[in-house]
């Protein structure tokens, strides 16, 4: 919390003896001037916060983030004690603390838009961390994307949402990924009376399928694939664990509080990358295999451009202000 400052009353002392004045002065050894050590002559004075002052949960969140991410940076994970401290604060936060609800104009107007835009309420951002709220209308989707070198805390404030997240199995994308070879369908040889059928027509009806190179895909393992309904616990993802790549699909109107440490920054290598996901059976890599019973929990991810129909709309945050 900041310390309030206000203009103090200027009081002139009349009738004081010269001796009283001298008590508030000391001799400057380097000159013949005297320095006044009394605070009575100052126009402003510092005041301590009033006792019993209520600190908003939003302010508490900011103060906690500032403490947790003080020495943070790309790839730096806060200590377990710090993570638990911030998690506890977020678990206790409610939508009303930010003055957000399904009755906001954003949700009322979402049915009139041609595309399912995502609303964003900017609360705070610095080079160490950011705090914001994503608002998703029913059926709204934030596509599968990553959080490079970040520790991210997400808290569903209201609504029901499906979350699917992944972590990498291999570090680098493979250029040797191939479609699994599909056995050529047996094309029955034409009978003597059908020799007039052209071979090209047979091939057209039963095309041959071979392995095809599919560059830039990486194997990932599913971390979360579930529906969540508020109130629920805070979810946390890390640079290499916890579901660093995730996708949000709103089943009802939703609001998600996000704390990123550090936030995205293209110049520092923290660019938001979007992905397509494919079932494990779609591709194969020489020397890389997954047990049959685990294949449903694995997928291939491939980088993609930001979807053209993905739109974010900045919404005005009207909740409690943060005092830095």
C-alpha atoms as a PDB file:
ATOM      1  CA  UNK A   1       0.000   0.000   0.000  1.00  0.00           C
ATOM      2  CA  UNK A   2       1.135   3.525  -0.671  1.00  0.00           C
ATOM      3  CA  UNK A   3       1.592   6.095   2.043  1.00  0.00           C
ATOM      4  CA  UNK A   4      -0.800   8.996   1.724  1.00  0.00           C
ATOM      5  CA  UNK A   5       0.589  12.500   1.555  1.00  0.00           C
ATOM      6  CA  UNK A   6      -1.333  15.775   2.048  1.00  0.00           C
ATOM      7  CA  UNK A   7      -0.576  19.431   2.501  1.00  0.00           C
ATOM      8  CA  UNK A   8       0.052  20.213   6.148  1.00  0.00           C
ATOM      9  CA  UNK A   9      -1.126  23.317   7.898  1.00  0.00           C
ATOM     10  CA  UNK A  10       1.444  26.087   8.050  1.00  0.00           C
ATOM     11  CA  UNK A  11       1.732  27.329  11.595  1.00  0.00           C
ATOM     12  CA  UNK A  12       3.726  30.398  12.442  1.00  0.00           C
ATOM     13  CA  UNK A  13       5.118  30.509  15.928  1.00  0.00           C
ATOM     14  CA  UNK A  14       4.740  33.914  17.460  1.00  0.00           C
ATOM     15  CA  UNK A  15       6.123  35.081  20.683  1.00  0.00           C
ATOM     16  CA  UNK A  16       8.717  32.326  20.955  1.00  0.00           C
ATOM     17  CA  UNK A  17      11.933  33.250  22.627  1.00  0.00           C
ATOM     18  CA  UNK A  18      15.209  33.256  20.744  1.00  0.00           C
ATOM     19  CA  UNK A  19      16.304  30.360  22.924  1.00  0.00           C
ATOM     20  CA  UNK A  20      13.442  28.191  21.631  1.00  0.00           C
ATOM     21  CA  UNK A  21      14.508  28.928  18.077  1.00  0.00           C
ATOM     22  CA  UNK A  22      18.077  27.937  18.746  1.00  0.00           C
ATOM     23  CA  UNK A  23      17.012  24.549  20.076  1.00  0.00           C
ATOM     24  CA  UNK A  24      15.754  23.673  16.592  1.00  0.00           C
ATOM     25  CA  UNK A  25      18.925  24.762  14.811  1.00  0.00           C
ATOM     26  CA  UNK A  26      22.372  23.201  14.427  1.00  0.00           C
ATOM     27  CA  UNK A  27      25.490  24.882  13.175  1.00  0.00           C
ATOM     28  CA  UNK A  28      26.686  23.777   9.726  1.00  0.00           C
ATOM     29  CA  UNK A  29      30.427  23.151  10.237  1.00  0.00           C
ATOM     30  CA  UNK A  30      31.232  24.120   6.638  1.00  0.00           C
ATOM     31  CA  UNK A  31      29.497  27.490   6.685  1.00  0.00           C
ATOM     32  CA  UNK A  32      28.036  30.165   8.875  1.00  0.00           C
ATOM     33  CA  UNK A  33      24.477  29.130   8.081  1.00  0.00           C
ATOM     34  CA  UNK A  34      22.174  27.321  10.419  1.00  0.00           C
ATOM     35  CA  UNK A  35      20.078  24.299   9.363  1.00  0.00           C
ATOM     36  CA  UNK A  36      16.539  24.035  10.691  1.00  0.00           C
ATOM     37  CA  UNK A  37      15.857  20.497  11.953  1.00  0.00           C
ATOM     38  CA  UNK A  38      12.275  21.133  12.936  1.00  0.00           C
ATOM     39  CA  UNK A  39       9.483  19.619  10.780  1.00  0.00           C
ATOM     40  CA  UNK A  40       7.084  22.353  11.758  1.00  0.00           C
ATOM     41  CA  UNK A  41       8.083  24.542   8.852  1.00  0.00           C
ATOM     42  CA  UNK A  42       7.411  21.908   6.149  1.00  0.00           C
ATOM     43  CA  UNK A  43       4.403  22.373   3.889  1.00  0.00           C
ATOM     44  CA  UNK A  44       3.707  18.622   3.655  1.00  0.00           C
ATOM     45  CA  UNK A  45       4.028  15.806   6.115  1.00  0.00           C
ATOM     46  CA  UNK A  46       3.874  12.020   5.701  1.00  0.00           C
ATOM     47  CA  UNK A  47       0.995  10.219   7.309  1.00  0.00           C
ATOM     48  CA  UNK A  48       0.687   6.558   8.106  1.00  0.00           C
ATOM     49  CA  UNK A  49      -2.319   4.667   6.704  1.00  0.00           C
ATOM     50  CA  UNK A  50      -5.342   4.808   8.915  1.00  0.00           C
ATOM     51  CA  UNK A  51      -5.804   1.919  11.263  1.00  0.00           C
ATOM     52  CA  UNK A  52      -8.431  -0.569  10.144  1.00  0.00           C
ATOM     53  CA  UNK A  53      -8.033   0.321   6.454  1.00  0.00           C
ATOM     54  CA  UNK A  54      -9.455  -2.535   4.360  1.00  0.00           C
ATOM     55  CA  UNK A  55      -7.168  -3.799   1.598  1.00  0.00           C
ATOM     56  CA  UNK A  56      -9.028  -5.084  -1.460  1.00  0.00           C
ATOM     57  CA  UNK A  57      -8.382  -8.653  -2.680  1.00  0.00           C
ATOM     58  CA  UNK A  58      -7.162  -7.140  -5.960  1.00  0.00           C
ATOM     59  CA  UNK A  59      -4.543  -5.121  -4.090  1.00  0.00           C
ATOM     60  CA  UNK A  60      -3.553  -8.207  -2.102  1.00  0.00           C
ATOM     61  CA  UNK A  61      -3.144 -10.125  -5.369  1.00  0.00           C
ATOM     62  CA  UNK A  62      -0.900  -7.406  -6.799  1.00  0.00           C
ATOM     63  CA  UNK A  63       1.215  -7.199  -3.639  1.00  0.00           C
ATOM     64  CA  UNK A  64       1.618 -10.983  -3.614  1.00  0.00           C
ATOM     65  CA  UNK A  65       2.559 -11.133  -7.303  1.00  0.00           C
ATOM     66  CA  UNK A  66       5.103  -8.375  -6.809  1.00  0.00           C
ATOM     67  CA  UNK A  67       6.697 -10.396  -4.031  1.00  0.00           C
ATOM     68  CA  UNK A  68       6.537 -13.766  -5.829  1.00  0.00           C
ATOM     69  CA  UNK A  69       7.916 -12.557  -9.172  1.00  0.00           C
ATOM     70  CA  UNK A  70      10.494 -10.034  -7.900  1.00  0.00           C
ATOM     71  CA  UNK A  71      13.430 -12.131  -9.066  1.00  0.00           C
ATOM     72  CA  UNK A  72      11.565 -13.848 -11.882  1.00  0.00           C
ATOM     73  CA  UNK A  73      12.399 -14.137 -15.553  1.00  0.00           C
ATOM     74  CA  UNK A  74      12.022 -16.456 -18.503  1.00  0.00           C
ATOM     75  CA  UNK A  75      12.250 -20.056 -17.347  1.00  0.00           C
ATOM     76  CA  UNK A  76      12.516 -19.040 -13.683  1.00  0.00           C
ATOM     77  CA  UNK A  77      10.021 -20.871 -11.469  1.00  0.00           C
ATOM     78  CA  UNK A  78       9.150 -19.278  -8.107  1.00  0.00           C
ATOM     79  CA  UNK A  79       9.933 -21.268  -4.979  1.00  0.00           C
ATOM     80  CA  UNK A  80       7.337 -23.795  -3.752  1.00  0.00           C
ATOM     81  CA  UNK A  81       6.574 -21.493  -0.819  1.00  0.00           C
ATOM     82  CA  UNK A  82       5.940 -18.559  -3.157  1.00  0.00           C
ATOM     83  CA  UNK A  83       3.761 -20.639  -5.452  1.00  0.00           C
ATOM     84  CA  UNK A  84       1.660 -21.822  -2.535  1.00  0.00           C
ATOM     85  CA  UNK A  85       1.371 -18.257  -1.242  1.00  0.00           C
ATOM     86  CA  UNK A  86       0.004 -16.981  -4.553  1.00  0.00           C
ATOM     87  CA  UNK A  87      -2.208 -20.023  -5.017  1.00  0.00           C
ATOM     88  CA  UNK A  88      -3.822 -19.392  -1.620  1.00  0.00           C
ATOM     89  CA  UNK A  89      -4.594 -15.781  -2.555  1.00  0.00           C
ATOM     90  CA  UNK A  90      -6.117 -16.812  -5.895  1.00  0.00           C
ATOM     91  CA  UNK A  91      -8.179 -19.610  -4.375  1.00  0.00           C
ATOM     92  CA  UNK A  92      -9.885 -17.042  -2.180  1.00  0.00           C
ATOM     93  CA  UNK A  93     -10.631 -14.536  -4.953  1.00  0.00           C
ATOM     94  CA  UNK A  94     -14.140 -14.184  -6.395  1.00  0.00           C
ATOM     95  CA  UNK A  95     -15.605 -12.598  -9.510  1.00  0.00           C
ATOM     96  CA  UNK A  96     -17.252  -9.896  -7.395  1.00  0.00           C
ATOM     97  CA  UNK A  97     -13.800  -8.769  -6.206  1.00  0.00           C
ATOM     98  CA  UNK A  98     -13.135  -7.554  -9.778  1.00  0.00           C
ATOM     99  CA  UNK A  99     -16.695  -6.372 -10.416  1.00  0.00           C
ATOM    100  CA  UNK A 100     -17.192  -8.907 -13.231  1.00  0.00           C
ATOM    101  CA  UNK A 101     -20.278 -11.038 -13.858  1.00  0.00           C
ATOM    102  CA  UNK A 102     -22.240 -12.716 -16.676  1.00  0.00           C
ATOM    103  CA  UNK A 103     -24.397  -9.569 -16.746  1.00  0.00           C
ATOM    104  CA  UNK A 104     -21.578  -7.447 -18.161  1.00  0.00           C
ATOM    105  CA  UNK A 105     -22.372  -5.650 -21.453  1.00  0.00           C
ATOM    106  CA  UNK A 106     -19.738  -7.790 -23.193  1.00  0.00           C
ATOM    107  CA  UNK A 107     -21.790 -10.948 -22.638  1.00  0.00           C
ATOM    108  CA  UNK A 108     -25.094  -9.250 -23.479  1.00  0.00           C
ATOM    109  CA  UNK A 109     -23.686  -8.044 -26.797  1.00  0.00           C
ATOM    110  CA  UNK A 110     -21.879 -11.260 -27.716  1.00  0.00           C
ATOM    111  CA  UNK A 111     -24.937 -12.728 -29.463  1.00  0.00           C
ATOM    112  CA  UNK A 112     -24.950  -9.861 -31.988  1.00  0.00           C
ATOM    113  CA  UNK A 113     -21.369 -10.419 -33.162  1.00  0.00           C
ATOM    114  CA  UNK A 114     -20.623 -12.456 -36.259  1.00  0.00           C
ATOM    115  CA  UNK A 115     -17.535 -14.007 -34.636  1.00  0.00           C
ATOM    116  CA  UNK A 116     -17.072 -15.280 -31.102  1.00  0.00           C
ATOM    117  CA  UNK A 117     -14.727 -12.551 -29.907  1.00  0.00           C
ATOM    118  CA  UNK A 118     -12.901 -12.937 -26.604  1.00  0.00           C
ATOM    119  CA  UNK A 119     -12.976 -10.025 -24.155  1.00  0.00           C
ATOM    120  CA  UNK A 120      -9.913  -9.020 -22.152  1.00  0.00           C
ATOM    121  CA  UNK A 121      -9.784  -6.835 -19.045  1.00  0.00           C
ATOM    122  CA  UNK A 122      -6.303  -5.452 -18.504  1.00  0.00           C
ATOM    123  CA  UNK A 123      -5.607  -5.033 -14.793  1.00  0.00           C
ATOM    124  CA  UNK A 124      -1.828  -4.718 -14.515  1.00  0.00           C
ATOM    125  CA  UNK A 125       1.372  -5.501 -16.404  1.00  0.00           C
ATOM    126  CA  UNK A 126       5.080  -4.961 -15.904  1.00  0.00           C
ATOM    127  CA  UNK A 127       8.169  -6.779 -17.168  1.00  0.00           C
ATOM    128  CA  UNK A 128       7.882  -9.305 -14.303  1.00  0.00           C
ATOM    129  CA  UNK A 129       4.208 -10.292 -14.373  1.00  0.00           C
ATOM    130  CA  UNK A 130       0.771  -9.455 -15.718  1.00  0.00           C
ATOM    131  CA  UNK A 131      -2.763  -9.720 -14.360  1.00  0.00           C
ATOM    132  CA  UNK A 132      -5.806  -9.870 -16.627  1.00  0.00           C
ATOM    133  CA  UNK A 133      -9.211 -11.462 -17.127  1.00  0.00           C
ATOM    134  CA  UNK A 134     -10.407 -13.245 -20.270  1.00  0.00           C
ATOM    135  CA  UNK A 135     -14.144 -13.196 -20.917  1.00  0.00           C
ATOM    136  CA  UNK A 136     -15.481 -15.973 -23.145  1.00  0.00           C
ATOM    137  CA  UNK A 137     -19.066 -16.057 -24.442  1.00  0.00           C
ATOM    138  CA  UNK A 138     -20.815 -19.435 -24.680  1.00  0.00           C
ATOM    139  CA  UNK A 139     -18.967 -21.599 -27.255  1.00  0.00           C
ATOM    140  CA  UNK A 140     -16.081 -19.126 -27.275  1.00  0.00           C
ATOM    141  CA  UNK A 141     -12.664 -20.714 -27.820  1.00  0.00           C
ATOM    142  CA  UNK A 142      -9.096 -19.666 -27.082  1.00  0.00           C
ATOM    143  CA  UNK A 143      -7.211 -22.062 -29.392  1.00  0.00           C
ATOM    144  CA  UNK A 144      -4.347 -24.291 -28.326  1.00  0.00           C
ATOM    145  CA  UNK A 145      -1.341 -22.081 -27.538  1.00  0.00           C
ATOM    146  CA  UNK A 146       1.845 -22.108 -25.472  1.00  0.00           C
ATOM    147  CA  UNK A 147       3.462 -20.103 -22.659  1.00  0.00           C
ATOM    148  CA  UNK A 148       7.232 -20.139 -23.351  1.00  0.00           C
ATOM    149  CA  UNK A 149       9.345 -19.946 -20.205  1.00  0.00           C
ATOM    150  CA  UNK A 150       6.381 -18.850 -18.101  1.00  0.00           C
ATOM    151  CA  UNK A 151       4.712 -19.847 -14.864  1.00  0.00           C
ATOM    152  CA  UNK A 152       0.973 -19.235 -15.252  1.00  0.00           C
ATOM    153  CA  UNK A 153      -1.808 -19.196 -12.654  1.00  0.00           C
ATOM    154  CA  UNK A 154      -5.394 -19.463 -13.955  1.00  0.00           C
ATOM    155  CA  UNK A 155      -8.545 -19.094 -11.883  1.00  0.00           C
ATOM    156  CA  UNK A 156     -12.034 -19.657 -13.314  1.00  0.00           C
ATOM    157  CA  UNK A 157     -14.143 -16.875 -11.790  1.00  0.00           C
ATOM    158  CA  UNK A 158     -17.529 -18.006 -13.115  1.00  0.00           C
ATOM    159  CA  UNK A 159     -19.016 -20.351 -15.690  1.00  0.00           C
ATOM    160  CA  UNK A 160     -18.203 -23.813 -17.024  1.00  0.00           C
ATOM    161  CA  UNK A 161     -15.246 -24.408 -19.310  1.00  0.00           C
ATOM    162  CA  UNK A 162     -13.514 -27.348 -20.979  1.00  0.00           C
ATOM    163  CA  UNK A 163      -9.733 -27.244 -20.697  1.00  0.00           C
ATOM    164  CA  UNK A 164      -7.375 -29.445 -22.684  1.00  0.00           C
ATOM    165  CA  UNK A 165      -3.651 -29.107 -22.116  1.00  0.00           C
ATOM    166  CA  UNK A 166      -0.429 -30.786 -23.181  1.00  0.00           C
ATOM    167  CA  UNK A 167       3.238 -31.041 -22.252  1.00  0.00           C
ATOM    168  CA  UNK A 168       5.987 -31.929 -24.698  1.00  0.00           C
ATOM    169  CA  UNK A 169       7.320 -35.472 -24.851  1.00  0.00           C
ATOM    170  CA  UNK A 170      10.252 -34.592 -27.129  1.00  0.00           C
ATOM    171  CA  UNK A 171      12.164 -31.335 -27.055  1.00  0.00           C
ATOM    172  CA  UNK A 172      12.399 -30.523 -30.753  1.00  0.00           C
ATOM    173  CA  UNK A 173      10.010 -30.894 -33.679  1.00  0.00           C
ATOM    174  CA  UNK A 174      10.710 -33.794 -35.972  1.00  0.00           C
ATOM    175  CA  UNK A 175      11.020 -33.528 -39.734  1.00  0.00           C
ATOM    176  CA  UNK A 176      10.938 -37.306 -40.079  1.00  0.00           C
ATOM    177  CA  UNK A 177       7.314 -37.725 -39.081  1.00  0.00           C
ATOM    178  CA  UNK A 178       5.324 -39.715 -41.580  1.00  0.00           C
ATOM    179  CA  UNK A 179       1.741 -40.717 -42.060  1.00  0.00           C
ATOM    180  CA  UNK A 180       1.450 -44.378 -41.099  1.00  0.00           C
ATOM    181  CA  UNK A 181       1.585 -46.563 -44.154  1.00  0.00           C
ATOM    182  CA  UNK A 182      -1.881 -47.654 -45.091  1.00  0.00           C
ATOM    183  CA  UNK A 183      -2.078 -51.017 -46.776  1.00  0.00           C
ATOM    184  CA  UNK A 184      -3.113 -50.748 -50.384  1.00  0.00           C
ATOM    185  CA  UNK A 185      -6.619 -51.993 -50.863  1.00  0.00           C
ATOM    186  CA  UNK A 186      -6.714 -55.137 -52.822  1.00  0.00           C
ATOM    187  CA  UNK A 187      -8.049 -54.294 -56.222  1.00  0.00           C
ATOM    188  CA  UNK A 188      -9.611 -57.349 -57.735  1.00  0.00           C
ATOM    189  CA  UNK A 189      -8.281 -58.253 -61.142  1.00  0.00           C
ATOM    190  CA  UNK A 190     -10.885 -57.679 -63.817  1.00  0.00           C
ATOM    191  CA  UNK A 191     -12.533 -60.722 -65.323  1.00  0.00           C
ATOM    192  CA  UNK A 192     -12.000 -61.522 -68.969  1.00  0.00           C
ATOM    193  CA  UNK A 193     -15.333 -60.004 -69.874  1.00  0.00           C
ATOM    194  CA  UNK A 194     -14.357 -56.735 -68.081  1.00  0.00           C
ATOM    195  CA  UNK A 195     -11.051 -56.173 -69.850  1.00  0.00           C
ATOM    196  CA  UNK A 196     -12.549 -53.147 -71.545  1.00  0.00           C
ATOM    197  CA  UNK A 197     -12.430 -51.295 -68.196  1.00  0.00           C
ATOM    198  CA  UNK A 198      -9.463 -48.961 -68.311  1.00  0.00           C
ATOM    199  CA  UNK A 199      -6.731 -49.421 -65.758  1.00  0.00           C
ATOM    200  CA  UNK A 200      -6.822 -45.667 -65.030  1.00  0.00           C
ATOM    201  CA  UNK A 201     -10.430 -46.002 -63.905  1.00  0.00           C
ATOM    202  CA  UNK A 202      -9.471 -48.777 -61.504  1.00  0.00           C
ATOM    203  CA  UNK A 203      -6.688 -46.652 -60.054  1.00  0.00           C
ATOM    204  CA  UNK A 204      -9.014 -43.685 -59.778  1.00  0.00           C
ATOM    205  CA  UNK A 205     -11.532 -45.676 -57.784  1.00  0.00           C
ATOM    206  CA  UNK A 206      -8.885 -47.290 -55.534  1.00  0.00           C
ATOM    207  CA  UNK A 207      -5.980 -44.826 -55.182  1.00  0.00           C
ATOM    208  CA  UNK A 208      -2.736 -46.035 -53.711  1.00  0.00           C
ATOM    209  CA  UNK A 209      -1.748 -44.493 -50.344  1.00  0.00           C
ATOM    210  CA  UNK A 210       1.864 -44.136 -49.288  1.00  0.00           C
ATOM    211  CA  UNK A 211       3.827 -42.494 -46.516  1.00  0.00           C
ATOM    212  CA  UNK A 212       3.905 -38.694 -46.682  1.00  0.00           C
ATOM    213  CA  UNK A 213       6.387 -36.422 -44.915  1.00  0.00           C
ATOM    214  CA  UNK A 214       4.823 -34.151 -42.282  1.00  0.00           C
ATOM    215  CA  UNK A 215       7.452 -31.693 -41.011  1.00  0.00           C
ATOM    216  CA  UNK A 216       7.377 -29.669 -37.810  1.00  0.00           C
ATOM    217  CA  UNK A 217       5.187 -31.863 -35.623  1.00  0.00           C
ATOM    218  CA  UNK A 218       6.039 -32.802 -32.048  1.00  0.00           C
ATOM    219  CA  UNK A 219       4.745 -35.471 -29.755  1.00  0.00           C
ATOM    220  CA  UNK A 220       2.922 -34.220 -26.664  1.00  0.00           C
ATOM    221  CA  UNK A 221       1.147 -35.866 -23.771  1.00  0.00           C
ATOM    222  CA  UNK A 222      -2.278 -34.839 -22.549  1.00  0.00           C
ATOM    223  CA  UNK A 223      -2.106 -33.269 -19.087  1.00  0.00           C
ATOM    224  CA  UNK A 224      -5.725 -32.170 -18.609  1.00  0.00           C
ATOM    225  CA  UNK A 225      -8.861 -32.929 -20.613  1.00  0.00           C
ATOM    226  CA  UNK A 226     -11.837 -32.055 -18.399  1.00  0.00           C
ATOM    227  CA  UNK A 227     -14.725 -29.700 -17.712  1.00  0.00           C
ATOM    228  CA  UNK A 228     -14.366 -27.176 -14.885  1.00  0.00           C
ATOM    229  CA  UNK A 229     -17.124 -25.228 -13.156  1.00  0.00           C
ATOM    230  CA  UNK A 230     -16.553 -22.258 -10.852  1.00  0.00           C
ATOM    231  CA  UNK A 231     -15.814 -22.147  -8.007  1.00  0.00           C
ATOM    232  CA  UNK A 232     -12.803 -24.408  -8.471  1.00  0.00           C
ATOM    233  CA  UNK A 233      -9.156 -24.473  -7.487  1.00  0.00           C
ATOM    234  CA  UNK A 234      -6.479 -22.450  -9.218  1.00  0.00           C
ATOM    235  CA  UNK A 235      -4.594 -24.268 -11.967  1.00  0.00           C
ATOM    236  CA  UNK A 236      -0.854 -23.736 -12.418  1.00  0.00           C
ATOM    237  CA  UNK A 237       1.330 -24.490 -15.424  1.00  0.00           C
ATOM    238  CA  UNK A 238       5.112 -24.310 -15.632  1.00  0.00           C
ATOM    239  CA  UNK A 239       7.640 -23.856 -18.455  1.00  0.00           C
ATOM    240  CA  UNK A 240       7.916 -27.622 -19.033  1.00  0.00           C
ATOM    241  CA  UNK A 241       5.116 -29.137 -16.952  1.00  0.00           C
ATOM    242  CA  UNK A 242       1.542 -28.698 -15.815  1.00  0.00           C
ATOM    243  CA  UNK A 243       0.076 -28.375 -19.334  1.00  0.00           C
ATOM    244  CA  UNK A 244       2.098 -25.524 -20.871  1.00  0.00           C
ATOM    245  CA  UNK A 245       0.032 -25.693 -24.053  1.00  0.00           C
ATOM    246  CA  UNK A 246      -3.684 -25.379 -23.417  1.00  0.00           C
ATOM    247  CA  UNK A 247      -6.998 -24.674 -25.089  1.00  0.00           C
ATOM    248  CA  UNK A 248     -10.086 -23.099 -23.464  1.00  0.00           C
ATOM    249  CA  UNK A 249     -13.614 -23.845 -24.701  1.00  0.00           C
ATOM    250  CA  UNK A 250     -16.468 -22.066 -22.932  1.00  0.00           C
ATOM    251  CA  UNK A 251     -19.527 -24.216 -22.310  1.00  0.00           C
ATOM    252  CA  UNK A 252     -21.299 -21.231 -20.716  1.00  0.00           C
ATOM    253  CA  UNK A 253     -20.334 -17.586 -20.307  1.00  0.00           C
ATOM    254  CA  UNK A 254     -16.959 -17.667 -18.532  1.00  0.00           C
ATOM    255  CA  UNK A 255     -14.367 -15.380 -16.990  1.00  0.00           C
ATOM    256  CA  UNK A 256     -10.810 -16.574 -16.358  1.00  0.00           C
ATOM    257  CA  UNK A 257      -8.295 -14.693 -14.246  1.00  0.00           C
ATOM    258  CA  UNK A 258      -4.761 -15.125 -15.604  1.00  0.00           C
ATOM    259  CA  UNK A 259      -1.484 -14.284 -13.867  1.00  0.00           C
ATOM    260  CA  UNK A 260       1.582 -14.682 -16.100  1.00  0.00           C
ATOM    261  CA  UNK A 261       5.121 -14.538 -14.821  1.00  0.00           C
ATOM    262  CA  UNK A 262       6.762 -13.209 -16.907  1.00  0.00           C
ATOM    263  CA  UNK A 263       4.242 -11.997 -19.539  1.00  0.00           C
ATOM    264  CA  UNK A 264       4.550 -12.487 -23.299  1.00  0.00           C
ATOM    265  CA  UNK A 265       7.293 -10.422 -24.923  1.00  0.00           C
ATOM    266  CA  UNK A 266       8.324 -10.977 -28.542  1.00  0.00           C
ATOM    267  CA  UNK A 267      11.641  -9.153 -28.167  1.00  0.00           C
ATOM    268  CA  UNK A 268      12.635 -11.477 -25.313  1.00  0.00           C
ATOM    269  CA  UNK A 269      11.588 -14.659 -27.097  1.00  0.00           C
ATOM    270  CA  UNK A 270       8.213 -15.134 -25.411  1.00  0.00           C
ATOM    271  CA  UNK A 271       5.989 -15.251 -28.462  1.00  0.00           C
ATOM    272  CA  UNK A 272       2.549 -16.844 -28.309  1.00  0.00           C
ATOM    273  CA  UNK A 273       2.510 -19.824 -30.677  1.00  0.00           C
ATOM    274  CA  UNK A 274      -0.684 -21.576 -31.763  1.00  0.00           C
ATOM    275  CA  UNK A 275      -0.957 -25.296 -32.560  1.00  0.00           C
ATOM    276  CA  UNK A 276      -3.061 -27.886 -34.310  1.00  0.00           C
ATOM    277  CA  UNK A 277      -3.365 -31.248 -32.570  1.00  0.00           C
ATOM    278  CA  UNK A 278      -3.655 -34.617 -34.288  1.00  0.00           C
ATOM    279  CA  UNK A 279      -4.347 -38.102 -32.854  1.00  0.00           C
ATOM    280  CA  UNK A 280      -1.288 -40.223 -32.199  1.00  0.00           C
ATOM    281  CA  UNK A 281      -2.343 -42.732 -34.866  1.00  0.00           C
ATOM    282  CA  UNK A 282      -2.068 -40.088 -37.604  1.00  0.00           C
ATOM    283  CA  UNK A 283       1.732 -40.035 -37.676  1.00  0.00           C
ATOM    284  CA  UNK A 284       4.749 -42.124 -36.790  1.00  0.00           C
ATOM    285  CA  UNK A 285       8.437 -41.510 -36.132  1.00  0.00           C
ATOM    286  CA  UNK A 286      11.196 -44.047 -36.504  1.00  0.00           C
ATOM    287  CA  UNK A 287      12.499 -45.002 -33.064  1.00  0.00           C
ATOM    288  CA  UNK A 288       9.682 -43.260 -31.188  1.00  0.00           C
ATOM    289  CA  UNK A 289       6.751 -45.301 -29.954  1.00  0.00           C
ATOM    290  CA  UNK A 290       4.103 -45.166 -27.241  1.00  0.00           C
ATOM    291  CA  UNK A 291       2.509 -48.217 -25.595  1.00  0.00           C
ATOM    292  CA  UNK A 292      -0.861 -49.059 -27.107  1.00  0.00           C
ATOM    293  CA  UNK A 293      -2.714 -48.400 -23.848  1.00  0.00           C
ATOM    294  CA  UNK A 294      -1.242 -44.866 -23.646  1.00  0.00           C
ATOM    295  CA  UNK A 295      -1.774 -43.717 -27.226  1.00  0.00           C
ATOM    296  CA  UNK A 296      -5.110 -42.043 -26.520  1.00  0.00           C
ATOM    297  CA  UNK A 297      -3.317 -39.743 -24.065  1.00  0.00           C
ATOM    298  CA  UNK A 298      -0.768 -38.595 -26.669  1.00  0.00           C
ATOM    299  CA  UNK A 299      -1.079 -36.353 -29.702  1.00  0.00           C
ATOM    300  CA  UNK A 300       1.006 -34.673 -32.363  1.00  0.00           C
ATOM    301  CA  UNK A 301       1.141 -30.871 -32.243  1.00  0.00           C
ATOM    302  CA  UNK A 302       2.006 -28.744 -35.239  1.00  0.00           C
ATOM    303  CA  UNK A 303       2.592 -24.994 -35.257  1.00  0.00           C
ATOM    304  CA  UNK A 304       0.085 -22.841 -37.070  1.00  0.00           C
ATOM    305  CA  UNK A 305      -0.547 -19.186 -37.740  1.00  0.00           C
ATOM    306  CA  UNK A 306      -2.856 -17.302 -35.421  1.00  0.00           C
ATOM    307  CA  UNK A 307      -6.384 -18.253 -36.505  1.00  0.00           C
ATOM    308  CA  UNK A 308      -7.895 -15.567 -38.707  1.00  0.00           C
ATOM    309  CA  UNK A 309     -11.224 -15.699 -36.877  1.00  0.00           C
ATOM    310  CA  UNK A 310      -9.632 -15.253 -33.440  1.00  0.00           C
ATOM    311  CA  UNK A 311     -10.401 -11.774 -32.111  1.00  0.00           C
ATOM    312  CA  UNK A 312      -9.715 -10.174 -28.739  1.00  0.00           C
ATOM    313  CA  UNK A 313     -11.656  -7.119 -27.604  1.00  0.00           C
ATOM    314  CA  UNK A 314     -10.297  -4.870 -24.881  1.00  0.00           C
ATOM    315  CA  UNK A 315     -12.931  -4.280 -22.213  1.00  0.00           C
ATOM    316  CA  UNK A 316     -12.887  -1.516 -19.606  1.00  0.00           C
ATOM    317  CA  UNK A 317     -11.896  -2.765 -16.177  1.00  0.00           C
ATOM    318  CA  UNK A 318     -14.121  -1.117 -13.546  1.00  0.00           C
ATOM    319  CA  UNK A 319     -12.969  -2.953 -10.452  1.00  0.00           C
ATOM    320  CA  UNK A 320     -10.777  -1.757  -7.555  1.00  0.00           C
ATOM    321  CA  UNK A 321      -7.652   0.123  -8.561  1.00  0.00           C
ATOM    322  CA  UNK A 322      -4.157  -1.030  -7.734  1.00  0.00           C
ATOM    323  CA  UNK A 323      -1.809   1.159  -5.699  1.00  0.00           C
ATOM    324  CA  UNK A 324       1.784   0.519  -6.751  1.00  0.00           C
END
